[in-house]
Amino acid sequence: MASIINTPNAPAAIGPYSQATVAGNLIFTSGQLPIDPATGEMPEGIAAQAKQSLENVKAILEAGGASLSNVVKTTVFLSDMANFAAMNEVYAAYFGTPFPARSCFQVARLPKDALVEIEVIASV
C-alpha cells in the first residue's frame, strides 16, 4: 500500500493527484511546476522556473524524509528545447556527481504555460 506525501512547502496539486507517493523504499513525485507555494505565482524565465521547480521537488522529498541526494531518476519536461542549456545550468547546481539518471523531453504545452516541469524518483 502506498502512502502520500503532502506539504505546504510545495504547491498544492492543481488536479486529482498527490504531490508524491511512497511505495516501498521509493518516493515518486508528481511533476512540479515552477509555482511559488507562498505566492501561487510563477517566476519569469527558464532559469528562475527551473530553480523553483527543483525547490518544490526538494520540499516534497524533505517532507518524505529524503533529500535531492536520494534521487535516482528525474524527468524534465520543457516547453522549448532551446531552454535545455539554461535548465542544465540550474539543474547541475542542485545535483552532485554521480548525477541521477534523467530523461528530458520537449512537450507541446505545460499546465499554466510553464516553461518547465520536473518529476523525480528517490530512494529512502
Protein backbone atom coordinates (compact mmCIF):
# COMPACT_ATOMS: atom_id res chain seq x y z
CA MET A 1 0.00 0.00 0.00
CA ALA A 2 1.37 3.40 -0.97
CA SER A 3 1.40 6.36 1.38
CA ILE A 4 1.02 10.01 0.39
CA ILE A 5 3.35 12.96 0.91
CA ASN A 6 1.70 16.35 1.20
CA THR A 7 3.49 19.51 2.34
CA PRO A 8 2.51 23.19 2.38
CA ASN A 9 6.14 23.93 1.37
CA ALA A 10 5.34 22.93 -2.22
CA PRO A 11 2.41 23.98 -4.39
CA ALA A 12 -0.87 22.19 -3.84
CA ALA A 13 -1.96 19.85 -6.62
CA ILE A 14 -3.88 21.59 -9.40
CA GLY A 15 -5.71 18.38 -10.28
CA PRO A 16 -6.65 14.99 -8.89
CA TYR A 17 -3.17 13.83 -7.86
CA SER A 18 -0.85 13.82 -4.85
CA GLN A 19 2.40 15.75 -4.53
CA ALA A 20 4.13 12.38 -4.09
CA THR A 21 3.53 8.78 -3.18
CA VAL A 22 5.77 6.40 -1.29
CA ALA A 23 5.83 2.77 -2.37
CA GLY A 24 8.28 0.53 -0.56
CA ASN A 25 11.53 2.45 -0.34
CA LEU A 26 10.78 4.74 -3.30
CA ILE A 27 9.28 8.23 -3.45
CA PHE A 28 7.58 9.17 -6.72
CA THR A 29 6.91 12.90 -7.03
CA SER A 30 4.34 14.32 -9.36
CA GLY A 31 5.65 16.77 -11.91
CA GLN A 32 6.45 20.04 -10.19
CA LEU A 33 5.60 23.23 -11.95
CA PRO A 34 7.58 26.35 -11.02
CA ILE A 35 4.85 27.70 -8.76
CA ASP A 36 5.99 29.51 -5.63
CA PRO A 37 3.92 27.90 -2.83
CA ALA A 38 3.93 31.16 -0.84
CA THR A 39 2.51 33.34 -3.61
CA GLY A 40 0.95 30.95 -6.12
CA GLU A 41 2.90 32.76 -8.85
CA MET A 42 5.49 31.54 -11.35
CA PRO A 43 8.76 33.43 -11.83
CA GLU A 44 9.81 34.71 -15.25
CA GLY A 45 12.41 32.94 -17.37
CA ILE A 46 13.69 29.39 -17.64
CA ALA A 47 16.45 29.68 -15.01
CA ALA A 48 14.11 31.00 -12.33
CA GLN A 49 11.43 28.48 -13.27
CA ALA A 50 13.85 25.53 -13.19
CA LYS A 51 15.08 26.68 -9.77
CA GLN A 52 11.52 26.94 -8.41
CA SER A 53 10.54 23.51 -9.79
CA LEU A 54 13.60 21.98 -8.11
CA GLU A 55 12.89 23.81 -4.85
CA ASN A 56 9.39 22.31 -4.93
CA VAL A 57 10.80 18.82 -5.54
CA LYS A 58 13.28 19.35 -2.69
CA ALA A 59 10.49 20.39 -0.28
CA ILE A 60 8.43 17.31 -1.12
CA LEU A 61 11.39 14.98 -0.69
CA GLU A 62 12.25 16.57 2.66
CA ALA A 63 8.65 16.09 3.80
CA GLY A 64 9.12 12.40 3.00
CA GLY A 65 12.39 12.12 4.90
CA ALA A 66 14.65 12.25 1.85
CA SER A 67 16.77 14.78 0.01
CA LEU A 68 17.97 15.51 -3.50
CA SER A 69 20.92 13.19 -2.84
CA ASN A 70 18.41 10.31 -2.70
CA VAL A 71 17.16 10.98 -6.26
CA VAL A 72 17.83 8.12 -8.66
CA LYS A 73 15.84 9.30 -11.72
CA THR A 74 14.50 12.61 -12.97
CA THR A 75 12.24 13.53 -15.84
CA VAL A 76 12.33 17.08 -17.17
CA PHE A 77 9.63 18.45 -19.44
CA LEU A 78 10.48 21.61 -21.40
CA SER A 79 8.12 23.73 -23.45
CA ASP A 80 11.06 24.59 -25.72
CA MET A 81 14.27 22.57 -26.14
CA ALA A 82 16.05 25.89 -26.75
CA ASN A 83 15.89 26.22 -22.94
CA PHE A 84 17.89 22.99 -22.43
CA ALA A 85 21.28 24.60 -21.72
CA ALA A 86 19.90 27.16 -19.25
CA MET A 87 17.88 24.46 -17.45
CA ASN A 88 21.00 22.25 -17.30
CA GLU A 89 22.98 25.01 -15.62
CA VAL A 90 20.43 25.28 -12.81
CA TYR A 91 19.94 21.50 -12.63
CA ALA A 92 23.69 20.91 -12.18
CA ALA A 93 23.69 23.23 -9.16
CA TYR A 94 21.09 21.02 -7.41
CA PHE A 95 22.51 17.57 -8.16
CA GLY A 96 26.06 16.44 -7.47
CA THR A 97 28.00 13.61 -9.00
CA PRO A 98 27.10 10.95 -9.55
CA PHE A 99 24.11 12.57 -11.23
CA PRO A 100 20.79 10.69 -11.23
CA ALA A 101 19.56 9.12 -14.44
CA ARG A 102 17.49 11.61 -16.45
CA SER A 103 15.14 11.94 -19.38
CA CYS A 104 14.30 15.30 -20.92
CA PHE A 105 11.52 15.98 -23.39
CA GLN A 106 10.13 18.94 -25.26
CA VAL A 107 6.36 18.93 -24.96
CA ALA A 108 3.74 20.91 -26.85
CA ARG A 109 2.50 22.71 -23.76
CA LEU A 110 2.70 22.52 -19.97
CA PRO A 111 -0.01 23.39 -17.44
CA LYS A 112 -0.30 27.11 -16.73
CA ASP A 113 2.03 27.68 -19.73
CA ALA A 114 5.07 26.90 -17.58
CA LEU A 115 8.44 26.63 -19.29
CA VAL A 116 9.49 23.54 -17.27
CA GLU A 117 8.09 20.74 -15.12
CA ILE A 118 10.27 18.28 -13.19
CA GLU A 119 9.44 14.96 -11.52
CA VAL A 120 11.74 12.58 -9.66
CA ILE A 121 12.03 9.12 -8.19
CA ALA A 122 14.06 8.91 -4.97
CA SER A 123 15.07 6.07 -2.67
CA VAL A 124 14.67 6.29 1.10
